[in-house]
N, C-alpha and C. Protein backbone atom coordinates (compact mmCIF):
# COMPACT_ATOMS: atom_id res chain seq x y z
N MET A 1 29.65 59.10 10.28
CA MET A 1 30.36 59.16 9.02
C MET A 1 31.36 58.00 8.95
N GLU A 2 31.32 57.29 7.85
CA GLU A 2 32.21 56.15 7.68
C GLU A 2 33.62 56.60 7.34
N PRO A 3 34.61 55.87 7.83
CA PRO A 3 36.00 56.25 7.50
C PRO A 3 36.29 56.01 6.02
N THR A 4 37.19 56.80 5.48
CA THR A 4 37.59 56.66 4.08
C THR A 4 38.44 55.41 3.92
N ASP A 5 38.65 55.02 2.65
CA ASP A 5 39.51 53.87 2.38
C ASP A 5 40.93 54.09 2.90
N ALA A 6 41.41 55.31 2.80
CA ALA A 6 42.77 55.62 3.26
C ALA A 6 42.88 55.42 4.76
N VAL A 7 41.87 55.87 5.50
CA VAL A 7 41.88 55.70 6.96
C VAL A 7 41.80 54.21 7.30
N LEU A 8 40.92 53.49 6.60
CA LEU A 8 40.80 52.05 6.85
C LEU A 8 42.13 51.34 6.58
N ALA A 9 42.78 51.70 5.48
CA ALA A 9 44.05 51.06 5.13
C ALA A 9 45.09 51.28 6.22
N GLU A 10 45.17 52.50 6.72
CA GLU A 10 46.14 52.79 7.78
C GLU A 10 45.81 52.03 9.06
N ARG A 11 44.53 51.97 9.39
CA ARG A 11 44.13 51.25 10.61
C ARG A 11 44.33 49.75 10.47
N ILE A 12 44.07 49.21 9.28
CA ILE A 12 44.28 47.77 9.05
C ILE A 12 45.77 47.46 9.15
N ALA A 13 46.60 48.32 8.57
CA ALA A 13 48.05 48.12 8.63
C ALA A 13 48.54 48.13 10.08
N ALA A 14 47.84 48.87 10.94
CA ALA A 14 48.21 48.93 12.36
C ALA A 14 47.63 47.76 13.15
N GLY A 15 46.87 46.88 12.46
CA GLY A 15 46.32 45.70 13.12
C GLY A 15 44.94 45.88 13.73
N ASP A 16 44.20 46.90 13.30
CA ASP A 16 42.87 47.19 13.84
C ASP A 16 41.84 46.22 13.26
N ASP A 17 41.34 45.31 14.10
CA ASP A 17 40.35 44.32 13.66
C ASP A 17 39.05 44.98 13.21
N ALA A 18 38.62 46.02 13.90
CA ALA A 18 37.36 46.69 13.55
C ALA A 18 37.44 47.32 12.16
N ALA A 19 38.59 47.88 11.82
CA ALA A 19 38.75 48.47 10.49
C ALA A 19 38.69 47.39 9.42
N PHE A 20 39.30 46.25 9.70
CA PHE A 20 39.26 45.15 8.74
C PHE A 20 37.83 44.64 8.57
N GLU A 21 37.09 44.53 9.67
CA GLU A 21 35.69 44.10 9.59
C GLU A 21 34.87 45.09 8.76
N GLU A 22 35.16 46.37 8.88
CA GLU A 22 34.47 47.39 8.10
C GLU A 22 34.76 47.20 6.61
N LEU A 23 36.01 46.92 6.26
CA LEU A 23 36.37 46.67 4.86
C LEU A 23 35.63 45.45 4.33
N VAL A 24 35.59 44.39 5.12
CA VAL A 24 34.88 43.18 4.72
C VAL A 24 33.40 43.48 4.52
N ARG A 25 32.81 44.25 5.44
CA ARG A 25 31.39 44.60 5.32
C ARG A 25 31.12 45.40 4.04
N ARG A 26 31.98 46.34 3.73
CA ARG A 26 31.80 47.20 2.56
C ARG A 26 32.01 46.46 1.24
N CYS A 27 32.98 45.57 1.21
CA CYS A 27 33.43 45.04 -0.08
C CYS A 27 33.08 43.59 -0.36
N SER A 28 32.58 42.86 0.61
CA SER A 28 32.32 41.43 0.39
C SER A 28 31.37 41.15 -0.77
N ALA A 29 30.22 41.81 -0.75
CA ALA A 29 29.21 41.53 -1.77
C ALA A 29 29.69 41.88 -3.18
N PRO A 30 30.22 43.10 -3.42
CA PRO A 30 30.67 43.38 -4.79
C PRO A 30 31.86 42.52 -5.21
N LEU A 31 32.72 42.18 -4.27
CA LEU A 31 33.88 41.34 -4.58
C LEU A 31 33.42 39.93 -4.94
N LEU A 32 32.47 39.41 -4.17
CA LEU A 32 31.94 38.08 -4.46
C LEU A 32 31.22 38.08 -5.81
N GLY A 33 30.49 39.14 -6.10
CA GLY A 33 29.80 39.22 -7.39
C GLY A 33 30.77 39.19 -8.55
N MET A 34 31.85 39.95 -8.44
CA MET A 34 32.86 39.96 -9.51
C MET A 34 33.47 38.57 -9.67
N ALA A 35 33.87 37.95 -8.56
CA ALA A 35 34.51 36.64 -8.63
C ALA A 35 33.54 35.59 -9.16
N LEU A 36 32.30 35.67 -8.76
CA LEU A 36 31.30 34.70 -9.22
C LEU A 36 31.06 34.83 -10.72
N ARG A 37 31.00 36.06 -11.21
CA ARG A 37 30.82 36.25 -12.65
C ARG A 37 32.03 35.78 -13.43
N MET A 38 33.21 35.99 -12.88
CA MET A 38 34.42 35.55 -13.58
C MET A 38 34.56 34.04 -13.58
N LEU A 39 34.22 33.41 -12.46
CA LEU A 39 34.50 31.98 -12.30
C LEU A 39 33.30 31.08 -12.57
N GLY A 40 32.10 31.58 -12.34
CA GLY A 40 30.92 30.76 -12.58
C GLY A 40 30.70 29.68 -11.54
N ASP A 41 31.42 29.72 -10.44
CA ASP A 41 31.29 28.70 -9.40
C ASP A 41 31.33 29.41 -8.05
N ARG A 42 30.26 29.27 -7.28
CA ARG A 42 30.15 29.99 -6.01
C ARG A 42 31.24 29.59 -5.02
N GLY A 43 31.53 28.31 -4.91
CA GLY A 43 32.55 27.86 -3.98
C GLY A 43 33.91 28.44 -4.30
N ASP A 44 34.29 28.40 -5.58
CA ASP A 44 35.57 28.98 -6.00
C ASP A 44 35.58 30.49 -5.75
N ALA A 45 34.45 31.14 -6.04
CA ALA A 45 34.38 32.60 -5.86
C ALA A 45 34.53 32.95 -4.38
N GLU A 46 33.88 32.20 -3.50
CA GLU A 46 34.00 32.47 -2.07
C GLU A 46 35.44 32.26 -1.60
N ASP A 47 36.10 31.23 -2.12
CA ASP A 47 37.50 30.98 -1.76
C ASP A 47 38.40 32.14 -2.20
N VAL A 48 38.17 32.63 -3.41
CA VAL A 48 38.97 33.75 -3.93
C VAL A 48 38.78 34.99 -3.07
N VAL A 49 37.53 35.28 -2.70
CA VAL A 49 37.24 36.45 -1.88
C VAL A 49 37.94 36.32 -0.53
N GLN A 50 37.83 35.16 0.07
CA GLN A 50 38.48 34.95 1.36
C GLN A 50 40.00 35.12 1.23
N ASP A 51 40.59 34.54 0.21
CA ASP A 51 42.03 34.67 -0.01
C ASP A 51 42.44 36.13 -0.23
N ALA A 52 41.60 36.88 -0.96
CA ALA A 52 41.91 38.29 -1.21
C ALA A 52 41.91 39.08 0.10
N PHE A 53 40.93 38.84 0.94
CA PHE A 53 40.89 39.54 2.23
C PHE A 53 42.07 39.15 3.11
N ILE A 54 42.44 37.89 3.09
CA ILE A 54 43.60 37.44 3.87
C ILE A 54 44.87 38.15 3.39
N THR A 55 45.00 38.27 2.07
CA THR A 55 46.16 38.95 1.51
C THR A 55 46.20 40.41 1.95
N VAL A 56 45.05 41.08 1.91
CA VAL A 56 45.00 42.48 2.34
C VAL A 56 45.39 42.59 3.81
N TRP A 57 44.87 41.72 4.65
CA TRP A 57 45.19 41.75 6.07
C TRP A 57 46.70 41.58 6.28
N ALA A 58 47.28 40.64 5.56
CA ALA A 58 48.70 40.33 5.75
C ALA A 58 49.62 41.39 5.15
N GLN A 59 49.19 42.06 4.08
CA GLN A 59 50.08 42.96 3.37
C GLN A 59 49.64 44.42 3.39
N ALA A 60 48.71 44.78 4.26
CA ALA A 60 48.18 46.15 4.28
C ALA A 60 49.28 47.18 4.52
N GLY A 61 50.29 46.83 5.26
CA GLY A 61 51.38 47.77 5.53
C GLY A 61 52.22 48.07 4.31
N GLU A 62 52.12 47.25 3.27
CA GLU A 62 52.90 47.43 2.05
C GLU A 62 52.19 48.31 1.02
N LEU A 63 50.93 48.66 1.28
CA LEU A 63 50.17 49.47 0.34
C LEU A 63 50.76 50.88 0.28
N VAL A 64 51.21 51.27 -0.90
CA VAL A 64 51.88 52.57 -1.07
C VAL A 64 50.86 53.71 -1.02
N GLU A 65 49.71 53.52 -1.64
CA GLU A 65 48.69 54.57 -1.69
C GLU A 65 47.45 54.10 -0.95
N PRO A 66 47.30 54.43 0.33
CA PRO A 66 46.18 53.93 1.12
C PRO A 66 44.81 54.24 0.55
N ALA A 67 44.66 55.34 -0.17
CA ALA A 67 43.35 55.69 -0.75
C ALA A 67 42.92 54.69 -1.81
N ALA A 68 43.85 53.89 -2.32
CA ALA A 68 43.55 52.91 -3.36
C ALA A 68 43.24 51.53 -2.78
N LEU A 69 42.87 51.48 -1.52
CA LEU A 69 42.63 50.20 -0.85
C LEU A 69 41.62 49.33 -1.59
N ARG A 70 40.49 49.89 -1.94
CA ARG A 70 39.45 49.11 -2.60
C ARG A 70 39.90 48.61 -3.97
N ALA A 71 40.54 49.47 -4.75
CA ALA A 71 41.05 49.06 -6.06
C ALA A 71 42.10 47.96 -5.90
N TRP A 72 42.94 48.08 -4.90
CA TRP A 72 43.96 47.06 -4.62
C TRP A 72 43.31 45.73 -4.27
N LEU A 73 42.28 45.77 -3.43
CA LEU A 73 41.56 44.55 -3.05
C LEU A 73 40.96 43.87 -4.28
N PHE A 74 40.34 44.66 -5.16
CA PHE A 74 39.73 44.08 -6.37
C PHE A 74 40.80 43.52 -7.31
N GLN A 75 41.95 44.18 -7.39
CA GLN A 75 43.03 43.65 -8.24
C GLN A 75 43.55 42.33 -7.69
N ILE A 76 43.66 42.22 -6.40
CA ILE A 76 44.11 40.96 -5.78
C ILE A 76 43.13 39.85 -6.13
N ALA A 77 41.85 40.10 -5.94
CA ALA A 77 40.83 39.09 -6.23
C ALA A 77 40.82 38.74 -7.72
N ARG A 78 40.95 39.75 -8.57
CA ARG A 78 40.97 39.51 -10.02
C ARG A 78 42.13 38.60 -10.40
N ARG A 79 43.31 38.89 -9.86
CA ARG A 79 44.48 38.06 -10.17
C ARG A 79 44.27 36.62 -9.70
N LYS A 80 43.67 36.46 -8.54
CA LYS A 80 43.41 35.11 -8.02
C LYS A 80 42.41 34.38 -8.91
N CYS A 81 41.42 35.10 -9.42
CA CYS A 81 40.46 34.50 -10.36
C CYS A 81 41.16 34.05 -11.64
N LEU A 82 42.04 34.91 -12.16
CA LEU A 82 42.75 34.58 -13.40
C LEU A 82 43.64 33.35 -13.20
N VAL A 83 44.30 33.26 -12.06
CA VAL A 83 45.13 32.08 -11.76
C VAL A 83 44.25 30.83 -11.74
N LEU A 84 43.11 30.93 -11.10
CA LEU A 84 42.21 29.78 -11.03
C LEU A 84 41.68 29.41 -12.42
N LEU A 85 41.37 30.40 -13.24
CA LEU A 85 40.90 30.12 -14.60
C LEU A 85 41.99 29.43 -15.43
N ARG A 86 43.23 29.87 -15.27
CA ARG A 86 44.33 29.20 -15.98
C ARG A 86 44.47 27.75 -15.51
N THR A 87 44.33 27.54 -14.23
CA THR A 87 44.41 26.18 -13.69
C THR A 87 43.29 25.31 -14.27
N ARG A 88 42.10 25.86 -14.34
CA ARG A 88 40.98 25.12 -14.92
C ARG A 88 41.24 24.75 -16.37
N ARG A 89 41.83 25.69 -17.11
CA ARG A 89 42.09 25.44 -18.54
C ARG A 89 43.03 24.25 -18.71
N THR A 90 44.01 24.14 -17.84
CA THR A 90 44.94 23.02 -17.96
C THR A 90 44.32 21.72 -17.48
N ARG A 91 43.31 21.82 -16.59
CA ARG A 91 42.62 20.62 -16.11
C ARG A 91 41.44 20.24 -17.00
N ARG A 92 41.07 21.11 -17.94
CA ARG A 92 39.95 20.88 -18.85
C ARG A 92 38.64 20.66 -18.09
N THR A 93 38.39 21.47 -17.11
CA THR A 93 37.15 21.39 -16.35
C THR A 93 36.15 22.36 -16.95
N ASP A 94 34.96 21.86 -17.24
CA ASP A 94 33.91 22.72 -17.79
C ASP A 94 33.19 23.43 -16.66
N LEU A 95 32.81 24.69 -16.90
CA LEU A 95 32.04 25.42 -15.92
C LEU A 95 30.62 24.90 -15.90
N VAL A 96 30.01 24.93 -14.74
CA VAL A 96 28.62 24.53 -14.61
C VAL A 96 27.80 25.80 -14.43
N TRP A 97 26.90 26.04 -15.35
CA TRP A 97 26.06 27.24 -15.28
C TRP A 97 24.64 26.79 -14.98
N SER A 98 23.94 27.56 -14.22
CA SER A 98 22.56 27.22 -13.93
C SER A 98 21.65 28.29 -14.49
N VAL A 99 20.49 27.86 -14.91
CA VAL A 99 19.48 28.77 -15.42
C VAL A 99 18.57 29.13 -14.27
N PRO A 100 18.29 30.41 -14.05
CA PRO A 100 17.40 30.77 -12.96
C PRO A 100 16.04 30.10 -13.12
N GLU A 101 15.48 29.68 -12.00
CA GLU A 101 14.17 29.05 -12.06
C GLU A 101 13.12 30.07 -12.45
N GLN A 102 12.05 29.55 -13.05
CA GLN A 102 10.97 30.42 -13.48
C GLN A 102 10.26 30.98 -12.25
N ARG A 103 10.10 32.29 -12.19
CA ARG A 103 9.42 32.92 -11.06
C ARG A 103 7.93 32.88 -11.29
N SER A 104 7.17 33.01 -10.22
CA SER A 104 5.72 33.04 -10.34
C SER A 104 5.17 34.20 -9.52
N VAL A 105 3.92 34.55 -9.83
CA VAL A 105 3.25 35.60 -9.07
C VAL A 105 2.71 34.99 -7.79
N ALA A 106 2.13 35.81 -6.93
CA ALA A 106 1.69 35.36 -5.61
C ALA A 106 0.75 34.16 -5.68
N GLY A 107 -0.12 34.09 -6.66
CA GLY A 107 -1.05 32.98 -6.77
C GLY A 107 -0.44 31.71 -7.30
N GLY A 108 0.83 31.72 -7.64
CA GLY A 108 1.50 30.52 -8.14
C GLY A 108 1.50 30.42 -9.66
N ALA A 109 0.84 31.34 -10.35
CA ALA A 109 0.81 31.28 -11.81
C ALA A 109 2.15 31.74 -12.36
N PRO A 110 2.69 31.04 -13.36
CA PRO A 110 3.98 31.43 -13.92
C PRO A 110 3.90 32.79 -14.60
N LEU A 111 5.01 33.51 -14.58
CA LEU A 111 5.07 34.81 -15.23
C LEU A 111 5.14 34.67 -16.75
N ALA A 112 5.70 33.58 -17.25
CA ALA A 112 5.83 33.39 -18.69
C ALA A 112 5.35 31.99 -19.04
N ASP A 113 4.96 31.82 -20.30
CA ASP A 113 4.54 30.48 -20.68
C ASP A 113 5.75 29.56 -20.78
N PRO A 114 5.54 28.25 -20.72
CA PRO A 114 6.67 27.32 -20.70
C PRO A 114 7.60 27.44 -21.91
N GLN A 115 7.05 27.66 -23.09
CA GLN A 115 7.88 27.76 -24.28
C GLN A 115 8.81 28.98 -24.19
N ARG A 116 8.27 30.12 -23.77
CA ARG A 116 9.10 31.32 -23.63
C ARG A 116 10.15 31.12 -22.55
N ALA A 117 9.78 30.45 -21.46
CA ALA A 117 10.74 30.20 -20.38
C ALA A 117 11.86 29.30 -20.88
N ALA A 118 11.52 28.29 -21.67
CA ALA A 118 12.54 27.39 -22.21
C ALA A 118 13.47 28.12 -23.17
N GLU A 119 12.89 28.98 -24.02
CA GLU A 119 13.71 29.75 -24.95
C GLU A 119 14.64 30.71 -24.20
N ALA A 120 14.09 31.37 -23.18
CA ALA A 120 14.92 32.29 -22.40
C ALA A 120 16.04 31.54 -21.70
N GLY A 121 15.72 30.38 -21.14
CA GLY A 121 16.73 29.57 -20.47
C GLY A 121 17.82 29.13 -21.43
N ALA A 122 17.43 28.74 -22.64
CA ALA A 122 18.41 28.33 -23.65
C ALA A 122 19.28 29.52 -24.06
N GLY A 123 18.66 30.69 -24.15
CA GLY A 123 19.43 31.89 -24.49
C GLY A 123 20.44 32.25 -23.41
N VAL A 124 20.04 32.12 -22.15
CA VAL A 124 20.94 32.39 -21.04
C VAL A 124 22.11 31.41 -21.06
N LEU A 125 21.80 30.14 -21.28
CA LEU A 125 22.88 29.13 -21.34
C LEU A 125 23.84 29.41 -22.49
N GLU A 126 23.31 29.83 -23.63
CA GLU A 126 24.18 30.13 -24.77
C GLU A 126 25.06 31.35 -24.47
N LEU A 127 24.50 32.35 -23.81
CA LEU A 127 25.29 33.51 -23.41
C LEU A 127 26.39 33.09 -22.44
N MET A 128 26.06 32.23 -21.48
CA MET A 128 27.06 31.77 -20.51
C MET A 128 28.18 31.00 -21.21
N ARG A 129 27.82 30.18 -22.18
CA ARG A 129 28.85 29.44 -22.94
C ARG A 129 29.74 30.41 -23.72
N ALA A 130 29.11 31.40 -24.34
CA ALA A 130 29.88 32.38 -25.12
C ALA A 130 30.79 33.19 -24.21
N LEU A 131 30.30 33.56 -23.03
CA LEU A 131 31.14 34.29 -22.07
C LEU A 131 32.31 33.43 -21.60
N ALA A 132 32.04 32.15 -21.34
CA ALA A 132 33.10 31.25 -20.89
C ALA A 132 34.18 31.07 -21.95
N ALA A 133 33.81 31.23 -23.22
CA ALA A 133 34.78 31.06 -24.31
C ALA A 133 35.66 32.30 -24.50
N LEU A 134 35.25 33.44 -23.94
CA LEU A 134 36.05 34.66 -24.07
C LEU A 134 37.34 34.53 -23.25
N PRO A 135 38.40 35.18 -23.70
CA PRO A 135 39.60 35.25 -22.84
C PRO A 135 39.24 35.96 -21.54
N PRO A 136 39.79 35.54 -20.41
CA PRO A 136 39.41 36.13 -19.12
C PRO A 136 39.47 37.67 -19.06
N PRO A 137 40.48 38.33 -19.63
CA PRO A 137 40.47 39.80 -19.55
C PRO A 137 39.27 40.42 -20.27
N GLN A 138 38.87 39.85 -21.40
CA GLN A 138 37.71 40.37 -22.13
C GLN A 138 36.42 40.08 -21.36
N ARG A 139 36.29 38.86 -20.83
CA ARG A 139 35.09 38.49 -20.07
C ARG A 139 34.95 39.42 -18.86
N GLU A 140 36.04 39.66 -18.16
CA GLU A 140 35.99 40.50 -16.98
C GLU A 140 35.54 41.92 -17.32
N VAL A 141 36.10 42.50 -18.37
CA VAL A 141 35.75 43.86 -18.76
C VAL A 141 34.29 43.91 -19.20
N TRP A 142 33.84 42.93 -19.95
CA TRP A 142 32.45 42.90 -20.41
C TRP A 142 31.50 42.84 -19.21
N LEU A 143 31.79 41.97 -18.24
CA LEU A 143 30.95 41.84 -17.06
C LEU A 143 30.91 43.13 -16.25
N LEU A 144 32.06 43.76 -16.08
CA LEU A 144 32.10 45.00 -15.31
C LEU A 144 31.34 46.12 -16.02
N ALA A 145 31.38 46.14 -17.34
CA ALA A 145 30.67 47.18 -18.09
C ALA A 145 29.18 46.89 -18.20
N GLU A 146 28.84 45.70 -18.63
CA GLU A 146 27.45 45.38 -18.94
C GLU A 146 26.63 44.97 -17.72
N ILE A 147 27.23 44.28 -16.78
CA ILE A 147 26.48 43.83 -15.61
C ILE A 147 26.57 44.84 -14.47
N ASP A 148 27.79 45.29 -14.17
CA ASP A 148 27.96 46.23 -13.06
C ASP A 148 27.74 47.68 -13.48
N GLY A 149 27.80 47.96 -14.79
CA GLY A 149 27.56 49.32 -15.28
C GLY A 149 28.66 50.31 -14.94
N LEU A 150 29.89 49.82 -14.81
CA LEU A 150 31.01 50.70 -14.46
C LEU A 150 31.49 51.48 -15.69
N SER A 151 32.07 52.63 -15.45
CA SER A 151 32.65 53.43 -16.53
C SER A 151 33.99 52.84 -16.95
N TYR A 152 34.52 53.30 -18.08
CA TYR A 152 35.82 52.81 -18.54
C TYR A 152 36.90 53.09 -17.49
N GLN A 153 36.84 54.26 -16.89
CA GLN A 153 37.84 54.62 -15.87
C GLN A 153 37.74 53.68 -14.67
N GLU A 154 36.52 53.43 -14.20
CA GLU A 154 36.33 52.53 -13.04
C GLU A 154 36.80 51.12 -13.37
N ILE A 155 36.49 50.66 -14.57
CA ILE A 155 36.92 49.32 -14.98
C ILE A 155 38.45 49.28 -15.02
N GLY A 156 39.06 50.31 -15.59
CA GLY A 156 40.51 50.38 -15.67
C GLY A 156 41.15 50.30 -14.30
N GLU A 157 40.56 50.99 -13.31
CA GLU A 157 41.09 50.93 -11.95
C GLU A 157 40.98 49.52 -11.38
N ARG A 158 39.87 48.86 -11.67
CA ARG A 158 39.67 47.50 -11.13
C ARG A 158 40.61 46.48 -11.75
N VAL A 159 40.85 46.60 -13.06
CA VAL A 159 41.65 45.58 -13.74
C VAL A 159 43.10 45.98 -13.94
N GLY A 160 43.43 47.21 -13.56
CA GLY A 160 44.81 47.67 -13.70
C GLY A 160 45.20 47.95 -15.13
N ALA A 161 44.31 48.58 -15.89
CA ALA A 161 44.58 48.90 -17.30
C ALA A 161 44.09 50.32 -17.58
N GLY A 162 44.60 50.89 -18.65
CA GLY A 162 44.16 52.22 -19.06
C GLY A 162 42.81 52.16 -19.75
N GLU A 163 42.21 53.33 -19.91
CA GLU A 163 40.89 53.40 -20.54
C GLU A 163 40.90 52.88 -21.97
N GLU A 164 41.95 53.15 -22.72
CA GLU A 164 42.03 52.67 -24.11
C GLU A 164 42.09 51.14 -24.15
N ALA A 165 42.84 50.54 -23.24
CA ALA A 165 42.90 49.07 -23.18
C ALA A 165 41.53 48.50 -22.83
N VAL A 166 40.83 49.16 -21.92
CA VAL A 166 39.48 48.72 -21.54
C VAL A 166 38.55 48.80 -22.75
N ARG A 167 38.62 49.91 -23.47
CA ARG A 167 37.77 50.06 -24.67
C ARG A 167 38.05 48.95 -25.69
N GLY A 168 39.33 48.66 -25.89
CA GLY A 168 39.70 47.62 -26.85
C GLY A 168 39.20 46.25 -26.42
N ARG A 169 39.40 45.92 -25.16
CA ARG A 169 38.93 44.61 -24.67
C ARG A 169 37.42 44.50 -24.77
N LEU A 170 36.73 45.59 -24.40
CA LEU A 170 35.28 45.57 -24.45
C LEU A 170 34.78 45.45 -25.88
N PHE A 171 35.42 46.14 -26.81
CA PHE A 171 35.04 46.04 -28.22
C PHE A 171 35.19 44.60 -28.72
N ARG A 172 36.35 43.99 -28.41
CA ARG A 172 36.59 42.61 -28.86
C ARG A 172 35.61 41.63 -28.20
N ALA A 173 35.30 41.84 -26.93
CA ALA A 173 34.35 40.97 -26.24
C ALA A 173 32.97 41.09 -26.86
N ARG A 174 32.53 42.31 -27.12
CA ARG A 174 31.20 42.52 -27.73
C ARG A 174 31.14 41.90 -29.12
N ALA A 175 32.20 42.06 -29.89
CA ALA A 175 32.21 41.49 -31.24
C ALA A 175 32.16 39.97 -31.18
N ALA A 176 32.93 39.36 -30.28
CA ALA A 176 32.93 37.90 -30.16
C ALA A 176 31.58 37.39 -29.70
N LEU A 177 30.95 38.08 -28.75
CA LEU A 177 29.64 37.66 -28.27
C LEU A 177 28.57 37.83 -29.35
N ALA A 178 28.65 38.91 -30.11
CA ALA A 178 27.69 39.12 -31.20
C ALA A 178 27.79 38.00 -32.21
N GLY A 179 29.01 37.60 -32.53
CA GLY A 179 29.19 36.49 -33.47
C GLY A 179 28.68 35.18 -32.91
N ALA A 180 28.98 34.92 -31.64
CA ALA A 180 28.57 33.66 -31.03
C ALA A 180 27.06 33.56 -30.84
N LEU A 181 26.41 34.71 -30.66
CA LEU A 181 24.97 34.71 -30.40
C LEU A 181 24.15 35.16 -31.60
N ARG A 182 24.77 35.10 -32.78
CA ARG A 182 24.08 35.54 -34.01
C ARG A 182 22.74 34.83 -34.21
N ALA A 183 22.66 33.56 -33.88
CA ALA A 183 21.43 32.79 -34.08
C ALA A 183 20.29 33.27 -33.17
N TRP A 184 20.61 33.98 -32.12
CA TRP A 184 19.59 34.41 -31.15
C TRP A 184 19.03 35.79 -31.44
N ARG A 185 19.46 36.41 -32.51
CA ARG A 185 18.94 37.75 -32.85
C ARG A 185 17.55 37.69 -33.36
């Protein structure tokens, strides 16, 4: 039986390396996924995840509610992503998005014809541009709802907001994306 987040938090605060490794094992992939979706750059996302884990290691003793370890970790990473996004905005750096390569069946035949693949790729790029244009809090909520499939309550815990705030951000994000992608309907 795996230890609970509260037990891990207490053990990490006491300097237990094994408990910290367990936290990293449990949370690395979802944390990296969130950071990657927010930032659009794997290198930046990996840096944010590493910084978040370092912060947890250094400040685990300050956690008031040990059962909230995972939510605290995600909030730390989210804040680091937002700081990086603000920095990018002032530097005027454009995000680089990639379109997934066309997959093929075992015999090497493409799954879709070239025209459909090109249209799908263009649609993905347009969605990525529209997502990049959203304010970071709206983009984050949209990604957590639509990509990760989290509930309003779970999203609220991750972003540090109430369910009503999450609903409002998600509504505004969906409306902005619908307007931006009107040509693709």
